[in-house]
Amino acid sequence: MPFINAKFSTPVSAEKEIELKTALGDAITLLGKSERYLMVEIQDSRRLYFGGENSAPIAFFDVSLLHSAPKASYEKLTARLCEIAKDIMDVDGENVYVKFEETENWGYNSFMF
């Protein structure tokens, strides 16, 4: 039951949106999750500032998931999200934050997991 909210300071074209969605679907497997239940939100042209500046492209990934994953998996996913930001959106890793949030309660289709 993962959810990834990807925010970018620059516009995301329709083509890049599909690339991002596909790459995020693949990347979530690093946490032992599948794309089957992954929900993705892509927000572009956000007013993001890093270190008080916004002169370079910036990205923020907020990853929520049911239960938890090993820290090593979080590290691998962080590295992969930085690669995705660079490869697709030309955002350097030094301008990327990744936040993980774990929950024990997750509802779907009128029931709780």
N, C-alpha and C. Protein backbone atom coordinates (compact mmCIF):
# COMPACT_ATOMS: atom_id res chain seq x y z
N MET A 1 0.81 -1.17 0.00
CA MET A 1 0.00 0.00 0.00
C MET A 1 0.86 1.25 0.00
N PRO A 2 1.80 1.32 -0.88
CA PRO A 2 2.62 2.53 -0.90
C PRO A 2 1.96 3.67 -1.66
N PHE A 3 2.36 4.87 -1.28
CA PHE A 3 1.95 6.10 -1.96
C PHE A 3 3.19 6.96 -2.10
N ILE A 4 3.43 7.45 -3.30
CA ILE A 4 4.55 8.36 -3.54
C ILE A 4 4.00 9.67 -4.07
N ASN A 5 4.29 10.74 -3.35
CA ASN A 5 3.95 12.08 -3.80
C ASN A 5 5.27 12.71 -4.25
N ALA A 6 5.38 12.95 -5.54
CA ALA A 6 6.60 13.52 -6.12
C ALA A 6 6.33 14.97 -6.51
N LYS A 7 7.09 15.88 -5.92
CA LYS A 7 6.93 17.30 -6.19
C LYS A 7 8.19 17.82 -6.89
N PHE A 8 7.97 18.63 -7.92
CA PHE A 8 9.07 19.21 -8.67
C PHE A 8 8.87 20.70 -8.81
N SER A 9 9.97 21.44 -8.81
CA SER A 9 9.89 22.90 -8.94
C SER A 9 9.73 23.32 -10.40
N THR A 10 9.90 22.38 -11.31
CA THR A 10 9.83 22.68 -12.73
C THR A 10 8.61 21.99 -13.36
N PRO A 11 8.19 22.42 -14.53
CA PRO A 11 7.06 21.77 -15.21
C PRO A 11 7.38 20.32 -15.57
N VAL A 12 6.35 19.49 -15.57
CA VAL A 12 6.47 18.09 -15.98
C VAL A 12 5.57 17.90 -17.20
N SER A 13 6.19 17.58 -18.32
CA SER A 13 5.42 17.35 -19.54
C SER A 13 4.65 16.03 -19.41
N ALA A 14 3.69 15.83 -20.29
CA ALA A 14 2.91 14.59 -20.29
C ALA A 14 3.82 13.38 -20.49
N GLU A 15 4.82 13.52 -21.35
CA GLU A 15 5.75 12.41 -21.61
C GLU A 15 6.57 12.10 -20.37
N LYS A 16 7.06 13.15 -19.70
CA LYS A 16 7.86 12.93 -18.50
C LYS A 16 7.01 12.37 -17.36
N GLU A 17 5.75 12.77 -17.31
CA GLU A 17 4.86 12.23 -16.29
C GLU A 17 4.73 10.72 -16.43
N ILE A 18 4.59 10.24 -17.64
CA ILE A 18 4.51 8.79 -17.87
C ILE A 18 5.83 8.12 -17.50
N GLU A 19 6.94 8.73 -17.89
CA GLU A 19 8.26 8.20 -17.51
C GLU A 19 8.40 8.11 -16.00
N LEU A 20 8.01 9.17 -15.30
CA LEU A 20 8.10 9.20 -13.85
C LEU A 20 7.23 8.11 -13.23
N LYS A 21 5.98 8.02 -13.66
CA LYS A 21 5.05 7.03 -13.14
C LYS A 21 5.61 5.61 -13.32
N THR A 22 6.16 5.35 -14.48
CA THR A 22 6.72 4.03 -14.77
C THR A 22 7.96 3.76 -13.91
N ALA A 23 8.84 4.75 -13.80
CA ALA A 23 10.07 4.59 -13.02
C ALA A 23 9.75 4.41 -11.53
N LEU A 24 8.77 5.15 -11.02
CA LEU A 24 8.39 5.02 -9.62
C LEU A 24 7.75 3.65 -9.35
N GLY A 25 6.99 3.15 -10.31
CA GLY A 25 6.41 1.82 -10.20
C GLY A 25 7.46 0.74 -10.10
N ASP A 26 8.53 0.92 -10.84
CA ASP A 26 9.64 -0.03 -10.78
C ASP A 26 10.44 0.14 -9.48
N ALA A 27 10.66 1.39 -9.08
CA ALA A 27 11.49 1.67 -7.91
C ALA A 27 10.88 1.15 -6.61
N ILE A 28 9.56 1.13 -6.51
CA ILE A 28 8.92 0.73 -5.26
C ILE A 28 9.22 -0.72 -4.90
N THR A 29 9.63 -1.50 -5.88
CA THR A 29 9.97 -2.90 -5.60
C THR A 29 11.20 -3.00 -4.68
N LEU A 30 11.98 -1.93 -4.59
CA LEU A 30 13.14 -1.92 -3.68
C LEU A 30 12.72 -2.00 -2.21
N LEU A 31 11.45 -1.68 -1.94
CA LEU A 31 10.92 -1.80 -0.58
C LEU A 31 10.14 -3.11 -0.41
N GLY A 32 10.20 -3.97 -1.40
CA GLY A 32 9.47 -5.23 -1.33
C GLY A 32 7.99 -5.04 -1.61
N LYS A 33 7.62 -3.91 -2.23
CA LYS A 33 6.23 -3.62 -2.57
C LYS A 33 6.06 -3.75 -4.07
N SER A 34 4.80 -3.84 -4.51
CA SER A 34 4.58 -3.96 -5.95
C SER A 34 3.83 -2.74 -6.47
N GLU A 35 3.91 -2.54 -7.75
CA GLU A 35 3.21 -1.43 -8.38
C GLU A 35 1.70 -1.66 -8.35
N ARG A 36 1.27 -2.87 -8.14
CA ARG A 36 -0.17 -3.21 -8.16
C ARG A 36 -0.98 -2.30 -7.25
N TYR A 37 -0.46 -1.97 -6.07
CA TYR A 37 -1.19 -1.12 -5.13
C TYR A 37 -0.54 0.24 -4.93
N LEU A 38 0.42 0.57 -5.75
CA LEU A 38 1.09 1.87 -5.64
C LEU A 38 0.21 2.97 -6.18
N MET A 39 0.07 4.04 -5.39
CA MET A 39 -0.60 5.24 -5.86
C MET A 39 0.48 6.32 -5.96
N VAL A 40 0.45 7.06 -7.06
CA VAL A 40 1.45 8.09 -7.32
C VAL A 40 0.75 9.42 -7.57
N GLU A 41 1.30 10.46 -6.99
CA GLU A 41 0.87 11.82 -7.31
C GLU A 41 2.10 12.58 -7.78
N ILE A 42 1.97 13.25 -8.92
CA ILE A 42 3.08 14.04 -9.46
C ILE A 42 2.62 15.49 -9.52
N GLN A 43 3.34 16.33 -8.81
CA GLN A 43 3.03 17.76 -8.77
C GLN A 43 4.19 18.51 -9.41
N ASP A 44 3.86 19.39 -10.32
CA ASP A 44 4.93 20.16 -10.97
C ASP A 44 4.77 21.65 -10.70
N SER A 45 5.79 22.39 -11.08
CA SER A 45 5.82 23.85 -10.94
C SER A 45 5.52 24.29 -9.50
N ARG A 46 6.03 23.53 -8.53
CA ARG A 46 5.84 23.86 -7.12
C ARG A 46 6.85 24.93 -6.71
N ARG A 47 6.50 25.74 -5.78
CA ARG A 47 7.41 26.77 -5.25
C ARG A 47 8.26 26.15 -4.15
N LEU A 48 9.29 25.44 -4.56
CA LEU A 48 10.19 24.78 -3.63
C LEU A 48 11.47 25.59 -3.49
N TYR A 49 11.96 25.68 -2.27
CA TYR A 49 13.22 26.36 -1.98
C TYR A 49 14.10 25.41 -1.20
N PHE A 50 15.36 25.36 -1.54
CA PHE A 50 16.31 24.51 -0.82
C PHE A 50 17.45 25.41 -0.39
N GLY A 51 17.69 25.48 0.90
CA GLY A 51 18.74 26.38 1.40
C GLY A 51 18.43 27.83 1.09
N GLY A 52 17.16 28.17 1.01
CA GLY A 52 16.76 29.54 0.73
C GLY A 52 16.82 29.93 -0.74
N GLU A 53 17.15 28.98 -1.59
CA GLU A 53 17.30 29.25 -3.02
C GLU A 53 16.34 28.40 -3.85
N ASN A 54 16.01 28.89 -5.02
CA ASN A 54 15.25 28.08 -5.98
C ASN A 54 15.73 28.34 -7.41
N SER A 55 17.02 28.60 -7.54
CA SER A 55 17.59 28.89 -8.86
C SER A 55 17.89 27.62 -9.67
N ALA A 56 17.88 26.46 -9.03
CA ALA A 56 18.11 25.19 -9.70
C ALA A 56 16.88 24.31 -9.48
N PRO A 57 16.65 23.33 -10.36
CA PRO A 57 15.51 22.42 -10.18
C PRO A 57 15.60 21.69 -8.83
N ILE A 58 14.44 21.51 -8.19
CA ILE A 58 14.34 20.88 -6.88
C ILE A 58 13.27 19.80 -6.94
N ALA A 59 13.46 18.72 -6.16
CA ALA A 59 12.46 17.66 -6.07
C ALA A 59 12.30 17.21 -4.63
N PHE A 60 11.07 16.81 -4.30
CA PHE A 60 10.76 16.25 -2.99
C PHE A 60 9.89 15.02 -3.20
N PHE A 61 10.30 13.90 -2.63
CA PHE A 61 9.54 12.66 -2.71
C PHE A 61 9.06 12.31 -1.30
N ASP A 62 7.76 12.16 -1.16
CA ASP A 62 7.15 11.77 0.11
C ASP A 62 6.61 10.36 -0.09
N VAL A 63 7.21 9.39 0.58
CA VAL A 63 6.87 7.98 0.41
C VAL A 63 6.16 7.47 1.66
N SER A 64 4.92 7.03 1.52
CA SER A 64 4.17 6.46 2.64
C SER A 64 3.95 4.98 2.35
N LEU A 65 4.03 4.17 3.41
CA LEU A 65 3.80 2.74 3.20
C LEU A 65 3.23 2.08 4.43
N LEU A 66 2.55 0.98 4.19
CA LEU A 66 2.01 0.16 5.26
C LEU A 66 3.15 -0.59 5.91
N HIS A 67 3.21 -0.51 7.22
CA HIS A 67 4.25 -1.15 8.02
C HIS A 67 5.60 -0.48 7.75
N SER A 68 6.65 -1.25 7.63
CA SER A 68 7.97 -0.67 7.46
C SER A 68 8.81 -1.52 6.52
N ALA A 69 10.01 -1.04 6.28
CA ALA A 69 10.98 -1.77 5.46
C ALA A 69 12.34 -1.59 6.12
N PRO A 70 13.29 -2.45 5.81
CA PRO A 70 14.63 -2.31 6.38
C PRO A 70 15.29 -0.99 5.93
N LYS A 71 16.13 -0.44 6.80
CA LYS A 71 16.81 0.82 6.49
C LYS A 71 17.60 0.72 5.19
N ALA A 72 18.21 -0.42 4.95
CA ALA A 72 18.98 -0.60 3.71
C ALA A 72 18.08 -0.44 2.48
N SER A 73 16.83 -0.88 2.60
CA SER A 73 15.88 -0.72 1.49
C SER A 73 15.54 0.75 1.28
N TYR A 74 15.38 1.48 2.38
CA TYR A 74 15.13 2.92 2.27
C TYR A 74 16.32 3.63 1.60
N GLU A 75 17.52 3.21 1.96
CA GLU A 75 18.71 3.80 1.34
C GLU A 75 18.76 3.53 -0.16
N LYS A 76 18.43 2.30 -0.55
CA LYS A 76 18.41 1.96 -1.98
C LYS A 76 17.35 2.75 -2.73
N LEU A 77 16.16 2.88 -2.12
CA LEU A 77 15.10 3.63 -2.78
C LEU A 77 15.46 5.12 -2.87
N THR A 78 16.08 5.65 -1.84
CA THR A 78 16.52 7.05 -1.88
C THR A 78 17.47 7.27 -3.04
N ALA A 79 18.44 6.39 -3.19
CA ALA A 79 19.40 6.49 -4.30
C ALA A 79 18.67 6.40 -5.65
N ARG A 80 17.72 5.49 -5.74
CA ARG A 80 16.99 5.32 -7.01
C ARG A 80 16.13 6.54 -7.31
N LEU A 81 15.47 7.12 -6.30
CA LEU A 81 14.66 8.31 -6.52
C LEU A 81 15.53 9.49 -6.97
N CYS A 82 16.72 9.59 -6.42
CA CYS A 82 17.65 10.64 -6.86
C CYS A 82 18.06 10.42 -8.32
N GLU A 83 18.26 9.16 -8.71
CA GLU A 83 18.57 8.86 -10.11
C GLU A 83 17.40 9.23 -11.02
N ILE A 84 16.21 8.89 -10.59
CA ILE A 84 15.01 9.21 -11.38
C ILE A 84 14.89 10.71 -11.55
N ALA A 85 15.07 11.45 -10.46
CA ALA A 85 14.99 12.92 -10.53
C ALA A 85 16.02 13.48 -11.50
N LYS A 86 17.22 12.94 -11.48
CA LYS A 86 18.28 13.41 -12.38
C LYS A 86 18.01 13.01 -13.83
N ASP A 87 17.72 11.73 -14.03
CA ASP A 87 17.56 11.21 -15.39
C ASP A 87 16.34 11.78 -16.12
N ILE A 88 15.24 11.96 -15.41
CA ILE A 88 14.01 12.38 -16.06
C ILE A 88 13.78 13.88 -15.96
N MET A 89 14.11 14.46 -14.79
CA MET A 89 13.79 15.87 -14.54
C MET A 89 15.01 16.78 -14.42
N ASP A 90 16.21 16.23 -14.59
CA ASP A 90 17.45 17.00 -14.51
C ASP A 90 17.62 17.71 -13.16
N VAL A 91 17.24 17.02 -12.08
CA VAL A 91 17.41 17.55 -10.72
C VAL A 91 18.60 16.83 -10.09
N ASP A 92 19.60 17.59 -9.69
CA ASP A 92 20.76 17.01 -9.03
C ASP A 92 20.37 16.47 -7.65
N GLY A 93 21.00 15.38 -7.25
CA GLY A 93 20.71 14.77 -5.97
C GLY A 93 20.86 15.70 -4.78
N GLU A 94 21.73 16.70 -4.92
CA GLU A 94 21.91 17.66 -3.83
C GLU A 94 20.69 18.57 -3.65
N ASN A 95 19.74 18.48 -4.57
CA ASN A 95 18.49 19.25 -4.49
C ASN A 95 17.27 18.34 -4.37
N VAL A 96 17.47 17.16 -3.79
CA VAL A 96 16.38 16.19 -3.62
C VAL A 96 16.28 15.80 -2.15
N TYR A 97 15.06 15.86 -1.62
CA TYR A 97 14.77 15.29 -0.32
C TYR A 97 13.81 14.13 -0.51
N VAL A 98 13.97 13.11 0.33
CA VAL A 98 13.08 11.96 0.33
C VAL A 98 12.62 11.74 1.77
N LYS A 99 11.32 11.68 1.97
CA LYS A 99 10.76 11.44 3.31
C LYS A 99 10.00 10.13 3.28
N PHE A 100 10.20 9.33 4.31
CA PHE A 100 9.49 8.07 4.45
C PHE A 100 8.55 8.15 5.65
N GLU A 101 7.35 7.66 5.46
CA GLU A 101 6.38 7.61 6.55
C GLU A 101 5.76 6.23 6.58
N GLU A 102 5.84 5.60 7.75
CA GLU A 102 5.30 4.26 7.94
C GLU A 102 4.01 4.36 8.73
N THR A 103 3.05 3.50 8.40
CA THR A 103 1.79 3.46 9.14
C THR A 103 1.37 2.02 9.37
N GLU A 104 0.68 1.79 10.46
CA GLU A 104 0.14 0.47 10.76
C GLU A 104 -1.31 0.35 10.30
N ASN A 105 -1.92 1.48 9.94
CA ASN A 105 -3.32 1.49 9.54
C ASN A 105 -3.46 2.04 8.13
N TRP A 106 -4.01 1.21 7.25
CA TRP A 106 -4.18 1.63 5.86
C TRP A 106 -5.48 1.03 5.35
N GLY A 107 -6.36 1.89 4.88
CA GLY A 107 -7.64 1.41 4.36
C GLY A 107 -7.63 1.37 2.84
N TYR A 108 -8.41 0.46 2.31
CA TYR A 108 -8.53 0.30 0.85
C TYR A 108 -9.84 -0.43 0.56
N ASN A 109 -10.59 0.06 -0.38
CA ASN A 109 -11.77 -0.63 -0.87
C ASN A 109 -12.71 -1.07 0.26
N SER A 110 -12.95 -0.17 1.18
CA SER A 110 -13.88 -0.38 2.30
C SER A 110 -13.38 -1.32 3.39
N PHE A 111 -12.10 -1.66 3.41
CA PHE A 111 -11.58 -2.48 4.50
C PHE A 111 -10.19 -2.01 4.91
N MET A 112 -9.72 -2.54 6.01
CA MET A 112 -8.39 -2.19 6.53
C MET A 112 -7.43 -3.34 6.30
N PHE A 113 -6.22 -2.99 5.90
CA PHE A 113 -5.17 -4.01 5.78
C PHE A 113 -4.60 -4.30 7.15
